[in-house]
Amino acid sequence: MADEGATGRKVKLEIQLDEEMAQGLYCNLAMVNHTDAEFCLDFIFVQPHQPKAKVRARILTSPVHAKRIAAAMSENVRRFEKKHGVINLPATDPGERGAMH
């Protein structure tokens, strides 16, 4: 990945991913909150028929980066659907499990 540094020159960014992080975490619920300065994304795993769920990861980011993440997700969903077909969302009430908040 290349990015322009403060001098306007291209800077190569080396991203490190340790073995544990590379395994990833499965989450089936995301909650998004924000203030005027930051976005908070909580990724949660909800087990069927359980009244409690645990936040597996919390990401805090700036509004600019939140918009970049949203654009990247939208583009990747578009590519996925082009290759694999439309992802159908079940009709859910905003308070139901699986809804984005």
N, C-alpha and C. Protein backbone atom coordinates (compact mmCIF):
# COMPACT_ATOMS: atom_id res chain seq x y z
N MET A 1 0.85 -1.17 0.00
CA MET A 1 0.00 0.00 0.00
C MET A 1 0.89 1.23 0.00
N ALA A 2 0.58 2.20 -0.81
CA ALA A 2 1.37 3.42 -0.88
C ALA A 2 0.49 4.60 -0.50
N ASP A 3 1.08 5.57 0.16
CA ASP A 3 0.37 6.76 0.57
C ASP A 3 1.32 7.93 0.42
N GLU A 4 0.77 9.13 0.25
CA GLU A 4 1.63 10.29 0.14
C GLU A 4 1.91 10.85 1.52
N GLY A 5 3.18 11.02 1.82
CA GLY A 5 3.58 11.59 3.10
C GLY A 5 3.42 13.10 3.09
N ALA A 6 3.86 13.76 4.15
CA ALA A 6 3.74 15.21 4.29
C ALA A 6 4.51 15.94 3.20
N THR A 7 5.53 15.31 2.66
CA THR A 7 6.33 15.95 1.61
C THR A 7 5.72 15.76 0.23
N GLY A 8 4.63 14.99 0.13
CA GLY A 8 4.03 14.73 -1.17
C GLY A 8 4.64 13.54 -1.88
N ARG A 9 5.67 12.94 -1.29
CA ARG A 9 6.31 11.76 -1.88
C ARG A 9 5.54 10.51 -1.48
N LYS A 10 5.57 9.52 -2.34
CA LYS A 10 4.91 8.24 -2.04
C LYS A 10 5.67 7.53 -0.93
N VAL A 11 4.92 7.04 0.06
CA VAL A 11 5.50 6.30 1.18
C VAL A 11 4.89 4.91 1.16
N LYS A 12 5.73 3.88 1.16
CA LYS A 12 5.24 2.51 1.17
C LYS A 12 4.94 2.12 2.62
N LEU A 13 3.72 1.64 2.85
CA LEU A 13 3.30 1.24 4.18
C LEU A 13 3.35 -0.27 4.29
N GLU A 14 4.12 -0.76 5.25
CA GLU A 14 4.20 -2.20 5.49
C GLU A 14 3.26 -2.53 6.65
N ILE A 15 2.29 -3.38 6.39
CA ILE A 15 1.31 -3.75 7.41
C ILE A 15 1.69 -5.11 7.98
N GLN A 16 1.78 -5.18 9.31
CA GLN A 16 2.12 -6.43 9.98
C GLN A 16 0.86 -7.06 10.56
N LEU A 17 0.76 -8.36 10.43
CA LEU A 17 -0.38 -9.10 10.93
C LEU A 17 0.13 -10.33 11.66
N ASP A 18 0.04 -10.31 13.01
CA ASP A 18 0.54 -11.47 13.75
C ASP A 18 -0.41 -12.65 13.60
N GLU A 19 0.06 -13.83 13.98
CA GLU A 19 -0.68 -15.07 13.76
C GLU A 19 -2.04 -15.07 14.45
N GLU A 20 -2.10 -14.57 15.68
CA GLU A 20 -3.38 -14.57 16.41
C GLU A 20 -4.39 -13.64 15.74
N MET A 21 -3.95 -12.46 15.34
CA MET A 21 -4.84 -11.51 14.68
C MET A 21 -5.29 -12.05 13.32
N ALA A 22 -4.43 -12.78 12.64
CA ALA A 22 -4.75 -13.34 11.33
C ALA A 22 -5.90 -14.34 11.40
N GLN A 23 -6.12 -14.94 12.57
CA GLN A 23 -7.21 -15.90 12.73
C GLN A 23 -8.57 -15.21 12.63
N GLY A 24 -8.62 -13.94 12.99
CA GLY A 24 -9.86 -13.18 12.92
C GLY A 24 -10.83 -13.57 14.02
N LEU A 25 -11.92 -12.82 14.10
CA LEU A 25 -12.98 -13.09 15.06
C LEU A 25 -14.30 -13.06 14.31
N TYR A 26 -15.17 -14.02 14.59
CA TYR A 26 -16.49 -14.01 13.96
C TYR A 26 -17.42 -13.16 14.80
N CYS A 27 -18.11 -12.24 14.16
CA CYS A 27 -19.09 -11.40 14.83
C CYS A 27 -20.35 -11.37 13.97
N ASN A 28 -21.50 -11.34 14.62
CA ASN A 28 -22.76 -11.32 13.88
C ASN A 28 -23.64 -10.14 14.26
N LEU A 29 -23.05 -9.17 14.93
CA LEU A 29 -23.75 -7.93 15.29
C LEU A 29 -22.73 -6.82 15.38
N ALA A 30 -23.08 -5.67 14.85
CA ALA A 30 -22.22 -4.50 14.98
C ALA A 30 -23.07 -3.34 15.46
N MET A 31 -22.53 -2.59 16.39
CA MET A 31 -23.20 -1.38 16.87
C MET A 31 -22.28 -0.21 16.56
N VAL A 32 -22.86 0.83 16.01
CA VAL A 32 -22.09 2.01 15.63
C VAL A 32 -22.66 3.21 16.35
N ASN A 33 -21.78 3.92 17.03
CA ASN A 33 -22.15 5.16 17.72
C ASN A 33 -21.15 6.23 17.33
N HIS A 34 -21.52 7.48 17.55
CA HIS A 34 -20.58 8.55 17.21
C HIS A 34 -20.79 9.79 18.07
N THR A 35 -19.75 10.57 18.15
CA THR A 35 -19.80 11.91 18.72
C THR A 35 -19.40 12.85 17.59
N ASP A 36 -19.22 14.11 17.89
CA ASP A 36 -18.79 15.04 16.84
C ASP A 36 -17.33 14.81 16.45
N ALA A 37 -16.58 14.04 17.25
CA ALA A 37 -15.15 13.86 17.01
C ALA A 37 -14.75 12.46 16.59
N GLU A 38 -15.58 11.44 16.87
CA GLU A 38 -15.16 10.08 16.59
C GLU A 38 -16.33 9.14 16.39
N PHE A 39 -16.05 8.02 15.75
CA PHE A 39 -17.00 6.93 15.59
C PHE A 39 -16.52 5.76 16.43
N CYS A 40 -17.44 5.06 17.03
CA CYS A 40 -17.14 3.87 17.83
C CYS A 40 -17.88 2.70 17.20
N LEU A 41 -17.13 1.68 16.77
CA LEU A 41 -17.71 0.49 16.17
C LEU A 41 -17.45 -0.68 17.11
N ASP A 42 -18.53 -1.26 17.64
CA ASP A 42 -18.44 -2.43 18.50
C ASP A 42 -18.86 -3.65 17.68
N PHE A 43 -18.00 -4.67 17.65
CA PHE A 43 -18.27 -5.91 16.95
C PHE A 43 -18.55 -6.98 18.00
N ILE A 44 -19.71 -7.64 17.87
CA ILE A 44 -20.25 -8.49 18.92
C ILE A 44 -20.61 -9.87 18.36
N PHE A 45 -20.44 -10.90 19.17
CA PHE A 45 -20.92 -12.23 18.81
C PHE A 45 -22.09 -12.57 19.72
N VAL A 46 -23.24 -12.82 19.11
CA VAL A 46 -24.44 -13.18 19.84
C VAL A 46 -24.70 -14.67 19.60
N GLN A 47 -24.74 -15.45 20.67
CA GLN A 47 -25.06 -16.87 20.55
C GLN A 47 -26.58 -17.04 20.54
N PRO A 48 -27.08 -17.97 19.73
CA PRO A 48 -28.53 -18.19 19.69
C PRO A 48 -29.08 -18.51 21.08
N HIS A 49 -30.21 -17.93 21.38
CA HIS A 49 -30.97 -18.20 22.61
C HIS A 49 -30.21 -17.82 23.88
N GLN A 50 -29.27 -16.90 23.79
CA GLN A 50 -28.55 -16.44 24.97
C GLN A 50 -28.90 -14.97 25.23
N PRO A 51 -29.16 -14.60 26.47
CA PRO A 51 -29.57 -13.23 26.77
C PRO A 51 -28.41 -12.23 26.82
N LYS A 52 -27.18 -12.72 26.84
CA LYS A 52 -26.02 -11.83 26.91
C LYS A 52 -25.12 -12.06 25.71
N ALA A 53 -24.41 -10.99 25.34
CA ALA A 53 -23.45 -11.08 24.24
C ALA A 53 -22.23 -10.26 24.63
N LYS A 54 -21.08 -10.63 24.10
CA LYS A 54 -19.84 -9.97 24.46
C LYS A 54 -19.27 -9.20 23.27
N VAL A 55 -18.79 -7.99 23.57
CA VAL A 55 -18.09 -7.22 22.54
C VAL A 55 -16.74 -7.89 22.32
N ARG A 56 -16.47 -8.26 21.08
CA ARG A 56 -15.20 -8.92 20.75
C ARG A 56 -14.14 -7.94 20.31
N ALA A 57 -14.57 -6.81 19.76
CA ALA A 57 -13.61 -5.78 19.34
C ALA A 57 -14.31 -4.44 19.33
N ARG A 58 -13.59 -3.41 19.73
CA ARG A 58 -14.09 -2.03 19.66
C ARG A 58 -13.07 -1.24 18.87
N ILE A 59 -13.54 -0.57 17.84
CA ILE A 59 -12.69 0.26 16.99
C ILE A 59 -13.16 1.70 17.12
N LEU A 60 -12.24 2.58 17.47
CA LEU A 60 -12.52 4.01 17.52
C LEU A 60 -11.79 4.66 16.35
N THR A 61 -12.50 5.51 15.61
CA THR A 61 -11.88 6.12 14.44
C THR A 61 -12.48 7.50 14.19
N SER A 62 -11.81 8.25 13.35
CA SER A 62 -12.26 9.61 13.03
C SER A 62 -13.42 9.57 12.04
N PRO A 63 -14.21 10.64 11.94
CA PRO A 63 -15.28 10.68 10.95
C PRO A 63 -14.78 10.46 9.52
N VAL A 64 -13.62 11.02 9.18
CA VAL A 64 -13.07 10.84 7.84
C VAL A 64 -12.78 9.36 7.57
N HIS A 65 -12.15 8.68 8.53
CA HIS A 65 -11.85 7.26 8.34
C HIS A 65 -13.12 6.42 8.36
N ALA A 66 -14.11 6.80 9.16
CA ALA A 66 -15.38 6.08 9.17
C ALA A 66 -16.03 6.14 7.79
N LYS A 67 -15.96 7.29 7.15
CA LYS A 67 -16.53 7.42 5.81
C LYS A 67 -15.74 6.59 4.80
N ARG A 68 -14.42 6.54 4.96
CA ARG A 68 -13.59 5.70 4.08
C ARG A 68 -13.93 4.22 4.27
N ILE A 69 -14.13 3.80 5.52
CA ILE A 69 -14.49 2.41 5.81
C ILE A 69 -15.83 2.09 5.17
N ALA A 70 -16.81 2.99 5.33
CA ALA A 70 -18.14 2.77 4.75
C ALA A 70 -18.05 2.64 3.22
N ALA A 71 -17.24 3.49 2.59
CA ALA A 71 -17.08 3.43 1.14
C ALA A 71 -16.41 2.12 0.72
N ALA A 72 -15.39 1.71 1.46
CA ALA A 72 -14.69 0.46 1.14
C ALA A 72 -15.62 -0.74 1.31
N MET A 73 -16.42 -0.75 2.37
CA MET A 73 -17.38 -1.84 2.58
C MET A 73 -18.42 -1.87 1.46
N SER A 74 -18.93 -0.71 1.09
CA SER A 74 -19.92 -0.63 0.03
C SER A 74 -19.36 -1.16 -1.29
N GLU A 75 -18.14 -0.77 -1.62
CA GLU A 75 -17.50 -1.23 -2.85
C GLU A 75 -17.26 -2.73 -2.82
N ASN A 76 -16.84 -3.27 -1.69
CA ASN A 76 -16.60 -4.70 -1.58
C ASN A 76 -17.89 -5.51 -1.63
N VAL A 77 -18.96 -5.01 -1.05
CA VAL A 77 -20.25 -5.69 -1.15
C VAL A 77 -20.71 -5.68 -2.61
N ARG A 78 -20.54 -4.56 -3.31
CA ARG A 78 -20.90 -4.47 -4.73
C ARG A 78 -20.14 -5.53 -5.54
N ARG A 79 -18.83 -5.64 -5.31
CA ARG A 79 -18.02 -6.64 -6.02
C ARG A 79 -18.46 -8.06 -5.69
N PHE A 80 -18.73 -8.32 -4.41
CA PHE A 80 -19.19 -9.65 -3.97
C PHE A 80 -20.48 -10.01 -4.69
N GLU A 81 -21.45 -9.08 -4.70
CA GLU A 81 -22.74 -9.36 -5.32
C GLU A 81 -22.61 -9.55 -6.83
N LYS A 82 -21.70 -8.84 -7.44
CA LYS A 82 -21.48 -9.00 -8.88
C LYS A 82 -20.98 -10.42 -9.19
N LYS A 83 -20.15 -10.94 -8.31
CA LYS A 83 -19.57 -12.27 -8.51
C LYS A 83 -20.47 -13.40 -8.02
N HIS A 84 -21.14 -13.19 -6.85
CA HIS A 84 -21.86 -14.28 -6.19
C HIS A 84 -23.37 -14.11 -6.15
N GLY A 85 -23.88 -12.98 -6.56
CA GLY A 85 -25.31 -12.74 -6.50
C GLY A 85 -25.69 -11.83 -5.35
N VAL A 86 -26.90 -11.33 -5.41
CA VAL A 86 -27.41 -10.37 -4.43
C VAL A 86 -27.49 -10.97 -3.03
N ILE A 87 -27.07 -10.21 -2.05
CA ILE A 87 -27.20 -10.60 -0.65
C ILE A 87 -28.56 -10.10 -0.19
N ASN A 88 -29.45 -11.01 0.16
CA ASN A 88 -30.79 -10.63 0.61
C ASN A 88 -30.78 -10.46 2.12
N LEU A 89 -31.25 -9.33 2.58
CA LEU A 89 -31.35 -9.08 4.01
C LEU A 89 -32.75 -9.45 4.49
N PRO A 90 -32.84 -10.19 5.60
CA PRO A 90 -34.16 -10.49 6.14
C PRO A 90 -34.77 -9.21 6.72
N ALA A 91 -36.07 -9.12 6.66
CA ALA A 91 -36.75 -7.96 7.25
C ALA A 91 -36.57 -8.04 8.75
N THR A 92 -36.00 -7.01 9.35
CA THR A 92 -35.78 -7.01 10.80
C THR A 92 -36.26 -5.71 11.40
N ASP A 93 -36.67 -5.80 12.61
CA ASP A 93 -36.99 -4.63 13.41
C ASP A 93 -35.67 -4.05 13.89
N PRO A 94 -35.51 -2.72 13.94
CA PRO A 94 -34.22 -2.15 14.37
C PRO A 94 -33.73 -2.64 15.72
N GLY A 95 -34.62 -3.11 16.57
CA GLY A 95 -34.21 -3.61 17.88
C GLY A 95 -33.83 -5.07 17.88
N GLU A 96 -34.06 -5.76 16.76
CA GLU A 96 -33.73 -7.18 16.70
C GLU A 96 -32.25 -7.41 16.53
N ARG A 97 -31.81 -8.60 16.92
CA ARG A 97 -30.43 -9.01 16.75
C ARG A 97 -30.04 -8.98 15.28
N GLY A 98 -28.82 -8.57 15.00
CA GLY A 98 -28.33 -8.56 13.63
C GLY A 98 -28.48 -7.21 12.96
N ALA A 99 -29.25 -6.31 13.55
CA ALA A 99 -29.44 -4.99 12.96
C ALA A 99 -28.24 -4.11 13.26
N MET A 100 -27.94 -3.23 12.37
CA MET A 100 -26.86 -2.26 12.59
C MET A 100 -27.48 -1.08 13.33
N HIS A 101 -26.83 -0.62 14.36
CA HIS A 101 -27.33 0.51 15.15
C HIS A 101 -26.39 1.68 15.01
